[in-house]
Amino acid sequence: MSLYTPWKKKRKEIQKILGDEKIIKESWEHYEKMVFLWIWSWLMR
């Protein structure tokens, strides 16, 4: 199990993107970083 899902892998799961894929990719990567930081901070308590 990976804590980080690369955009290439997530993109394969999405059938059709309406709009600017770059914006969605950047949002996805930001979301993934925030989740990782939250998990890391929770584990370091």
N, C-alpha and C. Protein backbone atom coordinates (compact mmCIF):
# COMPACT_ATOMS: atom_id res chain seq x y z
N MET A 1 0.84 -1.19 0.00
CA MET A 1 0.00 0.00 0.00
C MET A 1 0.88 1.24 0.00
N SER A 2 0.53 2.17 -0.81
CA SER A 2 1.29 3.41 -0.91
C SER A 2 0.49 4.56 -0.33
N LEU A 3 1.17 5.45 0.36
CA LEU A 3 0.49 6.63 0.88
C LEU A 3 0.33 7.69 -0.19
N TYR A 4 1.08 7.56 -1.24
CA TYR A 4 1.04 8.54 -2.30
C TYR A 4 0.58 7.89 -3.60
N THR A 5 -0.43 8.46 -4.22
CA THR A 5 -0.93 7.95 -5.49
C THR A 5 -0.47 8.89 -6.60
N PRO A 6 0.44 8.45 -7.45
CA PRO A 6 0.92 9.32 -8.52
C PRO A 6 -0.22 9.72 -9.46
N TRP A 7 -0.10 10.91 -10.03
CA TRP A 7 -1.13 11.40 -10.93
C TRP A 7 -1.35 10.46 -12.11
N LYS A 8 -0.28 9.89 -12.65
CA LYS A 8 -0.43 8.99 -13.80
C LYS A 8 -1.36 7.81 -13.47
N LYS A 9 -1.23 7.29 -12.27
CA LYS A 9 -2.07 6.17 -11.85
C LYS A 9 -3.51 6.64 -11.64
N LYS A 10 -3.69 7.77 -10.98
CA LYS A 10 -5.03 8.29 -10.73
C LYS A 10 -5.71 8.68 -12.05
N ARG A 11 -4.94 9.22 -12.98
CA ARG A 11 -5.49 9.64 -14.28
C ARG A 11 -6.08 8.45 -15.03
N LYS A 12 -5.47 7.28 -14.90
CA LYS A 12 -5.98 6.08 -15.58
C LYS A 12 -7.35 5.67 -15.02
N GLU A 13 -7.62 6.02 -13.76
CA GLU A 13 -8.89 5.67 -13.13
C GLU A 13 -10.02 6.61 -13.57
N ILE A 14 -9.66 7.78 -14.05
CA ILE A 14 -10.65 8.77 -14.46
C ILE A 14 -10.92 8.60 -15.95
N GLN A 15 -12.16 8.38 -16.31
CA GLN A 15 -12.48 8.13 -17.71
C GLN A 15 -12.40 9.39 -18.56
N LYS A 16 -13.05 10.44 -18.13
CA LYS A 16 -13.08 11.65 -18.94
C LYS A 16 -12.94 12.87 -18.04
N ILE A 17 -12.11 13.80 -18.45
CA ILE A 17 -11.93 15.03 -17.68
C ILE A 17 -12.53 16.17 -18.48
N LEU A 18 -13.43 16.87 -17.85
CA LEU A 18 -14.01 18.06 -18.45
C LEU A 18 -13.29 19.27 -17.86
N GLY A 19 -12.69 20.06 -18.69
CA GLY A 19 -11.96 21.22 -18.20
C GLY A 19 -10.46 21.04 -18.35
N ASP A 20 -9.73 21.85 -17.61
CA ASP A 20 -8.27 21.90 -17.71
C ASP A 20 -7.64 20.80 -16.84
N GLU A 21 -7.04 19.83 -17.48
CA GLU A 21 -6.43 18.71 -16.75
C GLU A 21 -5.30 19.19 -15.85
N LYS A 22 -4.58 20.22 -16.24
CA LYS A 22 -3.47 20.74 -15.43
C LYS A 22 -3.97 21.22 -14.06
N ILE A 23 -5.10 21.89 -14.03
CA ILE A 23 -5.67 22.37 -12.76
C ILE A 23 -6.05 21.19 -11.88
N ILE A 24 -6.66 20.18 -12.47
CA ILE A 24 -7.06 18.99 -11.70
C ILE A 24 -5.83 18.26 -11.18
N LYS A 25 -4.80 18.13 -12.01
CA LYS A 25 -3.56 17.46 -11.60
C LYS A 25 -2.91 18.20 -10.44
N GLU A 26 -2.82 19.51 -10.53
CA GLU A 26 -2.21 20.30 -9.45
C GLU A 26 -3.01 20.17 -8.16
N SER A 27 -4.33 20.19 -8.27
CA SER A 27 -5.19 20.02 -7.09
C SER A 27 -4.99 18.64 -6.47
N TRP A 28 -4.93 17.61 -7.30
CA TRP A 28 -4.73 16.25 -6.82
C TRP A 28 -3.39 16.13 -6.07
N GLU A 29 -2.34 16.67 -6.66
CA GLU A 29 -1.02 16.59 -6.04
C GLU A 29 -0.98 17.37 -4.73
N HIS A 30 -1.66 18.51 -4.69
CA HIS A 30 -1.73 19.29 -3.45
C HIS A 30 -2.48 18.51 -2.37
N TYR A 31 -3.60 17.91 -2.74
CA TYR A 31 -4.38 17.10 -1.82
C TYR A 31 -3.55 15.94 -1.26
N GLU A 32 -2.83 15.27 -2.13
CA GLU A 32 -1.99 14.14 -1.70
C GLU A 32 -0.92 14.59 -0.71
N LYS A 33 -0.31 15.73 -0.97
CA LYS A 33 0.72 16.25 -0.05
C LYS A 33 0.12 16.58 1.31
N MET A 34 -1.06 17.18 1.31
CA MET A 34 -1.71 17.53 2.57
C MET A 34 -2.05 16.28 3.38
N VAL A 35 -2.53 15.24 2.71
CA VAL A 35 -2.85 13.99 3.41
C VAL A 35 -1.58 13.39 4.01
N PHE A 36 -0.50 13.38 3.22
CA PHE A 36 0.75 12.83 3.71
C PHE A 36 1.24 13.61 4.94
N LEU A 37 1.20 14.93 4.87
CA LEU A 37 1.64 15.75 6.00
C LEU A 37 0.78 15.52 7.24
N TRP A 38 -0.52 15.36 7.04
CA TRP A 38 -1.40 15.12 8.17
C TRP A 38 -1.06 13.78 8.83
N ILE A 39 -0.89 12.74 8.01
CA ILE A 39 -0.56 11.42 8.55
C ILE A 39 0.78 11.47 9.27
N TRP A 40 1.75 12.11 8.66
CA TRP A 40 3.08 12.22 9.26
C TRP A 40 3.01 12.94 10.61
N SER A 41 2.30 14.06 10.67
CA SER A 41 2.21 14.80 11.94
C SER A 41 1.46 14.00 13.00
N TRP A 42 0.45 13.23 12.58
CA TRP A 42 -0.30 12.43 13.51
C TRP A 42 0.57 11.30 14.08
N LEU A 43 1.41 10.71 13.23
CA LEU A 43 2.27 9.62 13.69
C LEU A 43 3.40 10.10 14.59
N MET A 44 3.80 11.35 14.44
CA MET A 44 4.92 11.88 15.20
C MET A 44 4.51 12.44 16.56
N ARG A 45 3.28 12.25 16.93
CA ARG A 45 2.81 12.74 18.24
C ARG A 45 3.55 12.09 19.37
